[in-house]
Structure formats: C-alpha cells, structure tokens
Amino acid sequence: VAPAEIPAATARALQGHASAAVAKAALAWLPKEPSSADVVVALQPALSLEGSANRGSGIFVERCAACHRAGSDGHAVGPDLVTVRAAGKAKLLTSIAQPHAEVAPQYIAFTVETVDGETYSALIARETPTQVTLRLGGGRELDLERRAVRSMRSSGQSLMPEGLLSGLSPQAVADLLEFVAHAPVPVSVPAKP
C-alpha cells in the first residue's frame, strides 16, 4: 500500500497511536499534509471563477460522497450540506480545507481500539451500557460490545480529512463549490431489513 492510498483519518489515527513505535513509524512514513491555511489562500482564485454544478457533481461523488449526501448520492455520515451551504462559498471553501477548525460535537471523531487489536476512526452513532455503535466513512455502522473495546478517545477533530482539495485546480474547486451551493436535498434511503 502506497502512503498516498492511506486515508487521512487513518493516517491521523496511526500518527497518534497508543504504541509509540507505530506512531513514530507513521509520522516518518506517511506524507505530511500542507497547512490548511495555505490551501485556503492558494485556492482563493476559485471564488472568483464561474463554477459548473454538473462538473462539480462528479468531484463530489469522487471526494465527498463517502461521508456527505446530496440527493440520492452519498452517505449521511457528516453534516447535511443544506446546513453548511447557507454561509456562502468562501466559508464553504474554508470549511472543506480546514475541516477541524469548527466541529459540532456530534461530528467529532473518536479513535476506538479493540481488545483484538483493531483500530477505528469513527463517529459514535449510539451508545448503551453494553454496546457502542460506530459510524464509519461510507455510511457503514459497526456494533461493538463494550467488553471488546480496549480504549475509546476523542480526537477533538472532524472525521473529515484535510487534503480533500489537493490536486484540484481552482476551476475544479469552483465547480465543487457550485455543486455544493446548489446540491439537491438528500433523499431518504429506506433502512435495510
């Protein structure tokens, strides 16, 4: 697996791993992300370009649909796009480039380690005295018995990774912002039996 193939949320979990050896190796091996503030500055020209919601739809499906829903596309893991688009494109650009700057409590990611040695970076969907349900990217939910959980700690950050805009031209970012600014209201998906 190439370092670039490892999702940013997983990289963050590895870089903060409880095992000092794992954390040290992850810090040395995984690529460092550019400063999110630098990304916002570099992509400011996107705000003055006319975007195409049609082209932006493809970018959304490729980069955002694992955790956000628009119409019938994507998964409802992160915030509803209708709530975030009201602030305008400049705020939206900042929110995408700096996803950890402002995080509502229900969207704070947790690192969960099991007694079997598995590590998950996820949202806490539900908790009971005997069970915890994790909401993972892609909309998948995982039920864990409490006794199977070794540790569960808040990352204090969003599950949304930094670097989602990396490799995109200002025009592509303008297209994505246009799509999100006019994204269709999420369609409810019936629960699977």
N, C-alpha and C. Protein backbone atom coordinates (compact mmCIF):
# COMPACT_ATOMS: atom_id res chain seq x y z
N VAL A 1 0.85 -1.18 0.00
CA VAL A 1 0.00 0.00 0.00
C VAL A 1 0.89 1.23 0.00
N ALA A 2 0.65 2.10 -0.95
CA ALA A 2 1.42 3.35 -1.02
C ALA A 2 0.92 4.32 0.05
N PRO A 3 1.81 5.13 0.61
CA PRO A 3 1.38 6.08 1.65
C PRO A 3 0.22 6.98 1.20
N ALA A 4 0.19 7.37 -0.07
CA ALA A 4 -0.87 8.26 -0.56
C ALA A 4 -2.23 7.57 -0.58
N GLU A 5 -2.25 6.23 -0.55
CA GLU A 5 -3.51 5.48 -0.58
C GLU A 5 -4.17 5.38 0.80
N ILE A 6 -3.44 5.74 1.84
CA ILE A 6 -3.99 5.64 3.20
C ILE A 6 -4.83 6.87 3.48
N PRO A 7 -6.11 6.68 3.82
CA PRO A 7 -6.98 7.82 4.10
C PRO A 7 -6.41 8.69 5.23
N ALA A 8 -6.63 10.00 5.13
CA ALA A 8 -6.07 10.93 6.11
C ALA A 8 -6.52 10.61 7.53
N ALA A 9 -7.77 10.21 7.70
CA ALA A 9 -8.27 9.89 9.05
C ALA A 9 -7.50 8.70 9.63
N THR A 10 -7.19 7.72 8.79
CA THR A 10 -6.42 6.56 9.24
C THR A 10 -4.99 6.98 9.56
N ALA A 11 -4.42 7.84 8.69
CA ALA A 11 -3.06 8.33 8.94
C ALA A 11 -2.98 9.06 10.27
N ARG A 12 -3.99 9.92 10.55
CA ARG A 12 -4.00 10.64 11.83
C ARG A 12 -4.08 9.67 13.00
N ALA A 13 -4.92 8.63 12.85
CA ALA A 13 -5.06 7.64 13.93
C ALA A 13 -3.74 6.91 14.16
N LEU A 14 -3.06 6.56 13.07
CA LEU A 14 -1.77 5.88 13.21
C LEU A 14 -0.72 6.79 13.81
N GLN A 15 -0.71 8.07 13.41
CA GLN A 15 0.27 9.02 13.93
C GLN A 15 0.05 9.33 15.41
N GLY A 16 -1.15 9.08 15.90
CA GLY A 16 -1.44 9.28 17.31
C GLY A 16 -1.66 7.97 18.05
N HIS A 17 -1.20 6.88 17.48
CA HIS A 17 -1.43 5.53 18.03
C HIS A 17 -0.84 5.40 19.44
N ALA A 18 -1.46 4.56 20.24
CA ALA A 18 -1.00 4.34 21.62
C ALA A 18 0.39 3.71 21.66
N SER A 19 0.71 2.92 20.66
CA SER A 19 2.05 2.33 20.59
C SER A 19 3.01 3.38 20.04
N ALA A 20 4.01 3.72 20.82
CA ALA A 20 4.98 4.74 20.40
C ALA A 20 5.69 4.33 19.11
N ALA A 21 5.95 3.05 18.93
CA ALA A 21 6.63 2.58 17.71
C ALA A 21 5.76 2.79 16.47
N VAL A 22 4.47 2.50 16.60
CA VAL A 22 3.55 2.69 15.48
C VAL A 22 3.43 4.17 15.15
N ALA A 23 3.26 5.01 16.17
CA ALA A 23 3.13 6.46 15.96
C ALA A 23 4.39 7.03 15.31
N LYS A 24 5.56 6.61 15.77
CA LYS A 24 6.82 7.11 15.22
C LYS A 24 6.97 6.71 13.75
N ALA A 25 6.66 5.46 13.45
CA ALA A 25 6.76 4.98 12.06
C ALA A 25 5.77 5.73 11.16
N ALA A 26 4.56 5.94 11.64
CA ALA A 26 3.55 6.65 10.84
C ALA A 26 3.96 8.09 10.60
N LEU A 27 4.51 8.74 11.60
CA LEU A 27 4.96 10.13 11.43
C LEU A 27 6.10 10.22 10.41
N ALA A 28 6.96 9.21 10.39
CA ALA A 28 8.10 9.23 9.46
C ALA A 28 7.70 8.79 8.05
N TRP A 29 6.79 7.86 7.93
CA TRP A 29 6.49 7.23 6.66
C TRP A 29 5.38 7.92 5.88
N LEU A 30 4.36 8.38 6.59
CA LEU A 30 3.21 8.96 5.89
C LEU A 30 3.49 10.41 5.50
N PRO A 31 3.00 10.83 4.34
CA PRO A 31 3.29 12.19 3.87
C PRO A 31 2.66 13.25 4.77
N LYS A 32 3.37 14.35 4.90
CA LYS A 32 2.86 15.48 5.67
C LYS A 32 1.91 16.27 4.78
N GLU A 33 0.79 16.65 5.34
CA GLU A 33 -0.18 17.43 4.58
C GLU A 33 0.21 18.91 4.63
N PRO A 34 -0.07 19.66 3.53
CA PRO A 34 0.21 21.08 3.56
C PRO A 34 -0.70 21.76 4.58
N SER A 35 -0.26 22.89 5.08
CA SER A 35 -1.08 23.64 6.03
C SER A 35 -2.43 23.96 5.40
N SER A 36 -3.49 23.73 6.14
CA SER A 36 -4.83 24.01 5.61
C SER A 36 -5.02 25.50 5.34
N ALA A 37 -4.37 26.36 6.12
CA ALA A 37 -4.46 27.80 5.87
C ALA A 37 -3.80 28.14 4.54
N ASP A 38 -2.67 27.48 4.21
CA ASP A 38 -2.02 27.71 2.93
C ASP A 38 -2.91 27.26 1.78
N VAL A 39 -3.64 26.16 1.97
CA VAL A 39 -4.54 25.66 0.93
C VAL A 39 -5.66 26.67 0.67
N VAL A 40 -6.23 27.24 1.74
CA VAL A 40 -7.29 28.24 1.58
C VAL A 40 -6.78 29.42 0.78
N VAL A 41 -5.59 29.91 1.12
CA VAL A 41 -5.01 31.05 0.40
C VAL A 41 -4.77 30.70 -1.06
N ALA A 42 -4.20 29.52 -1.32
CA ALA A 42 -3.88 29.11 -2.68
C ALA A 42 -5.13 28.94 -3.54
N LEU A 43 -6.26 28.60 -2.92
CA LEU A 43 -7.47 28.35 -3.69
C LEU A 43 -8.45 29.52 -3.72
N GLN A 44 -8.04 30.68 -3.20
CA GLN A 44 -8.90 31.87 -3.25
C GLN A 44 -9.36 32.22 -4.67
N PRO A 45 -8.53 32.03 -5.72
CA PRO A 45 -8.99 32.33 -7.07
C PRO A 45 -10.25 31.56 -7.47
N ALA A 46 -10.49 30.41 -6.87
CA ALA A 46 -11.69 29.62 -7.18
C ALA A 46 -12.96 30.39 -6.88
N LEU A 47 -12.90 31.31 -5.92
CA LEU A 47 -14.08 32.07 -5.53
C LEU A 47 -14.51 33.07 -6.59
N SER A 48 -13.60 33.45 -7.47
CA SER A 48 -13.96 34.43 -8.50
C SER A 48 -14.26 33.77 -9.85
N LEU A 49 -14.16 32.45 -9.90
CA LEU A 49 -14.44 31.73 -11.15
C LEU A 49 -15.89 31.26 -11.18
N GLU A 50 -16.44 31.17 -12.38
CA GLU A 50 -17.79 30.63 -12.53
C GLU A 50 -17.68 29.11 -12.52
N GLY A 51 -18.39 28.48 -11.61
CA GLY A 51 -18.33 27.03 -11.49
C GLY A 51 -19.46 26.35 -12.22
N SER A 52 -19.26 25.09 -12.53
CA SER A 52 -20.27 24.26 -13.17
C SER A 52 -20.72 23.19 -12.17
N ALA A 53 -21.99 23.27 -11.76
CA ALA A 53 -22.53 22.28 -10.82
C ALA A 53 -22.48 20.88 -11.42
N ASN A 54 -22.62 20.78 -12.74
CA ASN A 54 -22.58 19.48 -13.40
C ASN A 54 -21.21 18.83 -13.25
N ARG A 55 -20.15 19.60 -13.52
CA ARG A 55 -18.79 19.06 -13.32
C ARG A 55 -18.51 18.83 -11.83
N GLY A 56 -19.01 19.74 -11.00
CA GLY A 56 -18.80 19.62 -9.56
C GLY A 56 -19.45 18.38 -8.98
N SER A 57 -20.52 17.90 -9.59
CA SER A 57 -21.20 16.69 -9.14
C SER A 57 -20.25 15.49 -9.17
N GLY A 58 -19.47 15.38 -10.24
CA GLY A 58 -18.51 14.28 -10.35
C GLY A 58 -17.43 14.35 -9.28
N ILE A 59 -16.98 15.57 -8.99
CA ILE A 59 -15.96 15.76 -7.95
C ILE A 59 -16.54 15.41 -6.59
N PHE A 60 -17.79 15.81 -6.37
CA PHE A 60 -18.48 15.48 -5.12
C PHE A 60 -18.54 13.97 -4.92
N VAL A 61 -18.97 13.25 -5.95
CA VAL A 61 -19.10 11.80 -5.84
C VAL A 61 -17.74 11.17 -5.55
N GLU A 62 -16.70 11.68 -6.21
CA GLU A 62 -15.36 11.13 -6.04
C GLU A 62 -14.76 11.42 -4.67
N ARG A 63 -14.95 12.64 -4.16
CA ARG A 63 -14.22 13.06 -2.96
C ARG A 63 -15.07 13.25 -1.71
N CYS A 64 -16.37 13.43 -1.85
CA CYS A 64 -17.18 13.81 -0.70
C CYS A 64 -18.29 12.82 -0.34
N ALA A 65 -18.71 12.02 -1.32
CA ALA A 65 -19.89 11.18 -1.12
C ALA A 65 -19.71 10.07 -0.09
N ALA A 66 -18.48 9.76 0.29
CA ALA A 66 -18.28 8.73 1.32
C ALA A 66 -18.88 9.17 2.66
N CYS A 67 -19.00 10.50 2.85
CA CYS A 67 -19.49 11.00 4.14
C CYS A 67 -20.60 12.05 4.05
N HIS A 68 -20.91 12.52 2.85
CA HIS A 68 -21.97 13.53 2.70
C HIS A 68 -22.96 13.06 1.65
N ARG A 69 -24.20 13.49 1.82
CA ARG A 69 -25.28 13.08 0.93
C ARG A 69 -25.84 14.29 0.20
N ALA A 70 -26.04 14.13 -1.11
CA ALA A 70 -26.69 15.15 -1.95
C ALA A 70 -27.66 14.40 -2.85
N GLY A 71 -28.94 14.71 -2.73
CA GLY A 71 -29.93 13.96 -3.49
C GLY A 71 -29.89 12.51 -3.07
N SER A 72 -29.70 11.61 -4.05
CA SER A 72 -29.62 10.18 -3.73
C SER A 72 -28.18 9.68 -3.74
N ASP A 73 -27.22 10.60 -3.91
CA ASP A 73 -25.80 10.22 -3.92
C ASP A 73 -25.16 10.41 -2.55
N GLY A 74 -24.31 9.48 -2.18
CA GLY A 74 -23.51 9.63 -0.97
C GLY A 74 -24.10 8.98 0.26
N HIS A 75 -23.44 9.28 1.39
CA HIS A 75 -23.80 8.68 2.67
C HIS A 75 -23.91 9.77 3.73
N ALA A 76 -24.89 9.66 4.60
CA ALA A 76 -25.12 10.65 5.65
C ALA A 76 -24.28 10.33 6.88
N VAL A 77 -22.99 10.65 6.80
CA VAL A 77 -22.10 10.49 7.95
C VAL A 77 -21.83 11.86 8.54
N GLY A 78 -21.40 12.80 7.72
CA GLY A 78 -21.12 14.17 8.15
C GLY A 78 -22.35 15.04 8.07
N PRO A 79 -22.16 16.34 8.31
CA PRO A 79 -23.29 17.28 8.31
C PRO A 79 -24.02 17.31 6.97
N ASP A 80 -25.30 17.62 7.04
CA ASP A 80 -26.14 17.80 5.86
C ASP A 80 -25.63 19.03 5.11
N LEU A 81 -25.45 18.92 3.81
CA LEU A 81 -24.92 20.03 3.02
C LEU A 81 -25.83 21.24 3.02
N VAL A 82 -27.13 21.03 3.21
CA VAL A 82 -28.07 22.15 3.25
C VAL A 82 -27.71 23.09 4.39
N THR A 83 -27.22 22.54 5.50
CA THR A 83 -26.90 23.38 6.65
C THR A 83 -25.60 24.14 6.48
N VAL A 84 -24.64 23.59 5.70
CA VAL A 84 -23.34 24.24 5.57
C VAL A 84 -23.26 25.23 4.41
N ARG A 85 -24.11 25.06 3.42
CA ARG A 85 -24.00 25.92 2.24
C ARG A 85 -24.57 27.32 2.44
N ALA A 86 -25.38 27.50 3.45
CA ALA A 86 -26.02 28.80 3.69
C ALA A 86 -25.01 29.91 4.00
N ALA A 87 -23.84 29.56 4.46
CA ALA A 87 -22.83 30.56 4.84
C ALA A 87 -22.09 31.14 3.63
N GLY A 88 -22.28 30.58 2.45
CA GLY A 88 -21.63 31.10 1.26
C GLY A 88 -20.39 30.30 0.87
N LYS A 89 -19.93 30.55 -0.35
CA LYS A 89 -18.83 29.76 -0.91
C LYS A 89 -17.50 30.00 -0.21
N ALA A 90 -17.23 31.22 0.24
CA ALA A 90 -15.95 31.49 0.91
C ALA A 90 -15.87 30.67 2.20
N LYS A 91 -16.93 30.64 2.96
CA LYS A 91 -16.96 29.86 4.20
C LYS A 91 -16.91 28.37 3.90
N LEU A 92 -17.59 27.97 2.84
CA LEU A 92 -17.60 26.57 2.43
C LEU A 92 -16.18 26.12 2.05
N LEU A 93 -15.46 26.95 1.29
CA LEU A 93 -14.07 26.64 0.93
C LEU A 93 -13.22 26.46 2.18
N THR A 94 -13.35 27.37 3.12
CA THR A 94 -12.59 27.28 4.37
C THR A 94 -12.96 26.02 5.15
N SER A 95 -14.25 25.69 5.19
CA SER A 95 -14.70 24.50 5.92
C SER A 95 -14.16 23.21 5.31
N ILE A 96 -14.05 23.17 3.98
CA ILE A 96 -13.53 21.97 3.32
C ILE A 96 -12.02 21.87 3.54
N ALA A 97 -11.32 23.00 3.38
CA ALA A 97 -9.86 22.99 3.52
C ALA A 97 -9.41 22.88 4.97
N GLN A 98 -10.21 23.38 5.91
CA GLN A 98 -9.87 23.33 7.33
C GLN A 98 -11.01 22.65 8.11
N PRO A 99 -11.20 21.36 7.88
CA PRO A 99 -12.36 20.68 8.47
C PRO A 99 -12.33 20.58 10.00
N HIS A 100 -11.17 20.82 10.61
CA HIS A 100 -11.08 20.68 12.06
C HIS A 100 -11.24 22.01 12.80
N ALA A 101 -11.36 23.10 12.06
CA ALA A 101 -11.45 24.42 12.69
C ALA A 101 -12.72 24.58 13.51
N GLU A 102 -13.83 24.13 12.97
CA GLU A 102 -15.12 24.21 13.66
C GLU A 102 -15.81 22.86 13.51
N VAL A 103 -15.99 22.15 14.60
CA VAL A 103 -16.61 20.83 14.55
C VAL A 103 -17.73 20.76 15.57
N ALA A 104 -18.93 20.50 15.10
CA ALA A 104 -20.06 20.31 16.01
C ALA A 104 -19.80 19.03 16.82
N PRO A 105 -20.21 19.01 18.09
CA PRO A 105 -19.90 17.86 18.96
C PRO A 105 -20.29 16.50 18.38
N GLN A 106 -21.41 16.43 17.67
CA GLN A 106 -21.85 15.13 17.14
C GLN A 106 -20.99 14.64 15.97
N TYR A 107 -20.09 15.51 15.48
CA TYR A 107 -19.23 15.12 14.36
C TYR A 107 -17.76 15.00 14.75
N ILE A 108 -17.48 14.96 16.04
CA ILE A 108 -16.10 14.77 16.50
C ILE A 108 -15.75 13.29 16.39
N ALA A 109 -14.63 13.01 15.75
CA ALA A 109 -14.19 11.63 15.54
C ALA A 109 -13.57 11.05 16.80
N PHE A 110 -13.73 9.76 16.95
CA PHE A 110 -13.13 9.02 18.05
C PHE A 110 -12.21 7.95 17.48
N THR A 111 -11.14 7.68 18.18
CA THR A 111 -10.28 6.56 17.84
C THR A 111 -10.64 5.45 18.81
N VAL A 112 -11.07 4.34 18.26
CA VAL A 112 -11.52 3.21 19.07
C VAL A 112 -10.60 2.03 18.80
N GLU A 113 -10.01 1.49 19.86
CA GLU A 113 -9.15 0.32 19.76
C GLU A 113 -9.85 -0.84 20.45
N THR A 114 -9.85 -1.99 19.78
CA THR A 114 -10.49 -3.17 20.35
C THR A 114 -9.45 -4.06 21.03
N VAL A 115 -9.93 -4.98 21.84
CA VAL A 115 -9.02 -5.93 22.50
C VAL A 115 -8.38 -6.86 21.48
N ASP A 116 -8.96 -6.98 20.29
CA ASP A 116 -8.40 -7.81 19.21
C ASP A 116 -7.33 -7.08 18.41
N GLY A 117 -7.05 -5.81 18.77
CA GLY A 117 -6.01 -5.06 18.09
C GLY A 117 -6.49 -4.24 16.89
N GLU A 118 -7.79 -4.19 16.63
CA GLU A 118 -8.32 -3.37 15.55
C GLU A 118 -8.41 -1.92 16.01
N THR A 119 -8.19 -0.97 15.09
CA THR A 119 -8.31 0.45 15.40
C THR A 119 -9.25 1.07 14.38
N TYR A 120 -10.21 1.85 14.88
CA TYR A 120 -11.18 2.52 14.02
C TYR A 120 -11.17 4.01 14.30
N SER A 121 -11.29 4.80 13.25
CA SER A 121 -11.52 6.24 13.38
C SER A 121 -12.95 6.44 12.91
N ALA A 122 -13.83 6.86 13.82
CA ALA A 122 -15.26 6.87 13.50
C ALA A 122 -16.01 7.86 14.38
N LEU A 123 -17.25 8.10 14.01
CA LEU A 123 -18.17 8.85 14.87
C LEU A 123 -18.88 7.86 15.77
N ILE A 124 -19.30 8.32 16.93
CA ILE A 124 -20.09 7.48 17.81
C ILE A 124 -21.55 7.70 17.43
N ALA A 125 -22.17 6.68 16.86
CA ALA A 125 -23.56 6.79 16.41
C ALA A 125 -24.52 6.59 17.58
N ARG A 126 -24.23 5.56 18.41
CA ARG A 126 -25.10 5.25 19.55
C ARG A 126 -24.26 4.58 20.63
N GLU A 127 -24.70 4.75 21.86
CA GLU A 127 -24.03 4.08 22.98
C GLU A 127 -25.08 3.56 23.95
N THR A 128 -24.83 2.37 24.48
CA THR A 128 -25.63 1.82 25.58
C THR A 128 -24.62 1.34 26.62
N PRO A 129 -25.07 0.93 27.78
CA PRO A 129 -24.12 0.43 28.77
C PRO A 129 -23.33 -0.80 28.30
N THR A 130 -23.87 -1.56 27.34
CA THR A 130 -23.20 -2.79 26.91
C THR A 130 -22.66 -2.74 25.48
N GLN A 131 -23.01 -1.69 24.73
CA GLN A 131 -22.63 -1.67 23.31
C GLN A 131 -22.35 -0.24 22.84
N VAL A 132 -21.48 -0.13 21.84
CA VAL A 132 -21.22 1.15 21.18
C VAL A 132 -21.32 0.91 19.67
N THR A 133 -22.00 1.82 18.98
CA THR A 133 -22.14 1.72 17.53
C THR A 133 -21.31 2.82 16.90
N LEU A 134 -20.37 2.41 16.03
CA LEU A 134 -19.50 3.35 15.33
C LEU A 134 -20.08 3.63 13.95
N ARG A 135 -20.01 4.88 13.52
CA ARG A 135 -20.39 5.24 12.15
C ARG A 135 -19.10 5.55 11.40
N LEU A 136 -18.82 4.74 10.40
CA LEU A 136 -17.60 4.83 9.62
C LEU A 136 -17.88 5.55 8.30
N GLY A 137 -16.82 6.01 7.65
CA GLY A 137 -16.97 6.58 6.32
C GLY A 137 -17.64 5.58 5.41
N GLY A 138 -18.39 6.06 4.45
CA GLY A 138 -19.15 5.16 3.58
C GLY A 138 -20.50 4.82 4.15
N GLY A 139 -20.81 5.38 5.33
CA GLY A 139 -22.12 5.16 5.94
C GLY A 139 -22.27 3.86 6.70
N ARG A 140 -21.22 3.06 6.71
CA ARG A 140 -21.29 1.77 7.41
C ARG A 140 -21.31 1.97 8.91
N GLU A 141 -22.11 1.17 9.59
CA GLU A 141 -22.13 1.19 11.05
C GLU A 141 -21.60 -0.14 11.58
N LEU A 142 -20.89 -0.04 12.68
CA LEU A 142 -20.27 -1.22 13.29
C LEU A 142 -20.66 -1.25 14.76
N ASP A 143 -21.30 -2.34 15.17
CA ASP A 143 -21.68 -2.52 16.57
C ASP A 143 -20.58 -3.29 17.28
N LEU A 144 -20.13 -2.73 18.41
CA LEU A 144 -19.10 -3.39 19.23
C LEU A 144 -19.63 -3.56 20.65
N GLU A 145 -19.39 -4.73 21.21
CA GLU A 145 -19.70 -4.94 22.61
C GLU A 145 -18.70 -4.13 23.43
N ARG A 146 -19.14 -3.51 24.50
CA ARG A 146 -18.23 -2.71 25.34
C ARG A 146 -17.03 -3.51 25.81
N ARG A 147 -17.26 -4.76 26.13
CA ARG A 147 -16.16 -5.58 26.64
C ARG A 147 -15.10 -5.83 25.57
N ALA A 148 -15.42 -5.60 24.29
CA ALA A 148 -14.46 -5.79 23.19
C ALA A 148 -13.65 -4.52 22.92
N VAL A 149 -13.99 -3.42 23.61
CA VAL A 149 -13.32 -2.14 23.38
C VAL A 149 -12.22 -1.94 24.43
N ARG A 150 -10.99 -1.81 23.95
CA ARG A 150 -9.85 -1.55 24.85
C ARG A 150 -9.82 -0.08 25.24
N SER A 151 -9.94 0.81 24.24
CA SER A 151 -9.94 2.25 24.54
C SER A 151 -10.77 2.99 23.50
N MET A 152 -11.28 4.12 23.93
CA MET A 152 -12.09 4.97 23.07
C MET A 152 -11.77 6.40 23.47
N ARG A 153 -11.13 7.15 22.55
CA ARG A 153 -10.77 8.52 22.91
C ARG A 153 -11.12 9.48 21.78
N SER A 154 -11.53 10.65 22.16
CA SER A 154 -11.89 11.68 21.21
C SER A 154 -10.63 12.22 20.54
N SER A 155 -10.72 12.43 19.24
CA SER A 155 -9.60 13.05 18.53
C SER A 155 -9.68 14.56 18.65
N GLY A 156 -10.86 15.07 19.01
CA GLY A 156 -11.08 16.51 19.06
C GLY A 156 -11.18 17.12 17.67
N GLN A 157 -11.21 16.25 16.65
CA GLN A 157 -11.24 16.71 15.27
C GLN A 157 -12.40 16.07 14.52
N SER A 158 -12.62 16.60 13.34
CA SER A 158 -13.63 16.05 12.45
C SER A 158 -13.13 14.75 11.85
N LEU A 159 -14.06 13.89 11.46
CA LEU A 159 -13.70 12.68 10.72
C LEU A 159 -13.27 13.06 9.30
N MET A 160 -13.71 14.23 8.85
CA MET A 160 -13.37 14.70 7.50
C MET A 160 -11.88 14.99 7.42
N PRO A 161 -11.20 14.37 6.47
CA PRO A 161 -9.76 14.57 6.37
C PRO A 161 -9.39 15.90 5.73
N GLU A 162 -8.23 16.42 6.11
CA GLU A 162 -7.68 17.55 5.38
C GLU A 162 -7.14 17.00 4.07
N GLY A 163 -6.94 17.85 3.12
CA GLY A 163 -6.35 17.41 1.86
C GLY A 163 -7.36 16.95 0.83
N LEU A 164 -8.66 17.12 1.09
CA LEU A 164 -9.66 16.71 0.11
C LEU A 164 -9.56 17.52 -1.19
N LEU A 165 -9.02 18.72 -1.09
CA LEU A 165 -8.92 19.57 -2.27
C LEU A 165 -7.58 19.44 -2.97
N SER A 166 -6.68 18.63 -2.42
CA SER A 166 -5.35 18.52 -3.03
C SER A 166 -5.46 17.94 -4.43
N GLY A 167 -4.68 18.52 -5.32
CA GLY A 167 -4.67 18.08 -6.71
C GLY A 167 -5.75 18.69 -7.57
N LEU A 168 -6.65 19.46 -6.97
CA LEU A 168 -7.71 20.11 -7.75
C LEU A 168 -7.26 21.49 -8.19
N SER A 169 -7.59 21.84 -9.41
CA SER A 169 -7.31 23.19 -9.91
C SER A 169 -8.32 24.15 -9.31
N PRO A 170 -8.04 25.45 -9.33
CA PRO A 170 -9.04 26.41 -8.86
C PRO A 170 -10.38 26.25 -9.59
N GLN A 171 -10.35 25.92 -10.88
CA GLN A 171 -11.61 25.72 -11.62
C GLN A 171 -12.38 24.53 -11.09
N ALA A 172 -11.68 23.44 -10.80
CA ALA A 172 -12.35 22.26 -10.24
C ALA A 172 -12.94 22.57 -8.87
N VAL A 173 -12.23 23.35 -8.06
CA VAL A 173 -12.76 23.75 -6.75
C VAL A 173 -13.99 24.63 -6.94
N ALA A 174 -13.95 25.55 -7.91
CA ALA A 174 -15.12 26.39 -8.20
C ALA A 174 -16.31 25.52 -8.61
N ASP A 175 -16.06 24.47 -9.38
CA ASP A 175 -17.13 23.55 -9.79
C ASP A 175 -17.72 22.83 -8.58
N LEU A 176 -16.84 22.35 -7.70
CA LEU A 176 -17.32 21.65 -6.49
C LEU A 176 -18.14 22.59 -5.61
N LEU A 177 -17.65 23.81 -5.41
CA LEU A 177 -18.38 24.78 -4.59
C LEU A 177 -19.73 25.10 -5.19
N GLU A 178 -19.79 25.21 -6.51
CA GLU A 178 -21.07 25.48 -7.19
C GLU A 178 -22.05 24.33 -6.96
N PHE A 179 -21.55 23.11 -7.07
CA PHE A 179 -22.42 21.96 -6.85
C PHE A 179 -22.94 21.95 -5.41
N VAL A 180 -22.05 22.11 -4.45
CA VAL A 180 -22.47 22.05 -3.04
C VAL A 180 -23.42 23.20 -2.72
N ALA A 181 -23.17 24.38 -3.30
CA ALA A 181 -24.04 25.53 -3.04
C ALA A 181 -25.45 25.31 -3.57
N HIS A 182 -25.61 24.41 -4.52
CA HIS A 182 -26.93 24.14 -5.09
C HIS A 182 -27.28 22.65 -5.04
N ALA A 183 -26.65 21.92 -4.15
CA ALA A 183 -26.84 20.48 -4.07
C ALA A 183 -28.29 20.13 -3.76
N PRO A 184 -28.77 19.07 -4.38
CA PRO A 184 -30.14 18.64 -4.09
C PRO A 184 -30.28 18.17 -2.64
N VAL A 185 -31.47 18.39 -2.11
CA VAL A 185 -31.75 17.95 -0.73
C VAL A 185 -31.61 16.43 -0.67
N PRO A 186 -30.97 15.91 0.38
CA PRO A 186 -30.80 14.46 0.48
C PRO A 186 -32.12 13.71 0.46
N VAL A 187 -32.13 12.61 -0.26
CA VAL A 187 -33.29 11.74 -0.35
C VAL A 187 -33.13 10.68 0.70
N SER A 188 -34.20 10.43 1.45
CA SER A 188 -34.13 9.40 2.49
C SER A 188 -33.95 8.03 1.85
N VAL A 189 -33.11 7.24 2.46
CA VAL A 189 -32.88 5.88 2.00
C VAL A 189 -33.55 4.95 3.00
N PRO A 190 -34.45 4.06 2.53
CA PRO A 190 -35.10 3.16 3.48
C PRO A 190 -34.08 2.26 4.17
N ALA A 191 -34.33 1.99 5.43
CA ALA A 191 -33.45 1.13 6.21
C ALA A 191 -33.49 -0.28 5.64
N LYS A 192 -32.32 -0.94 5.64
CA LYS A 192 -32.25 -2.32 5.16
C LYS A 192 -32.78 -3.24 6.25
N PRO A 193 -33.56 -4.26 5.84
CA PRO A 193 -34.13 -5.17 6.84
C PRO A 193 -33.07 -6.00 7.52
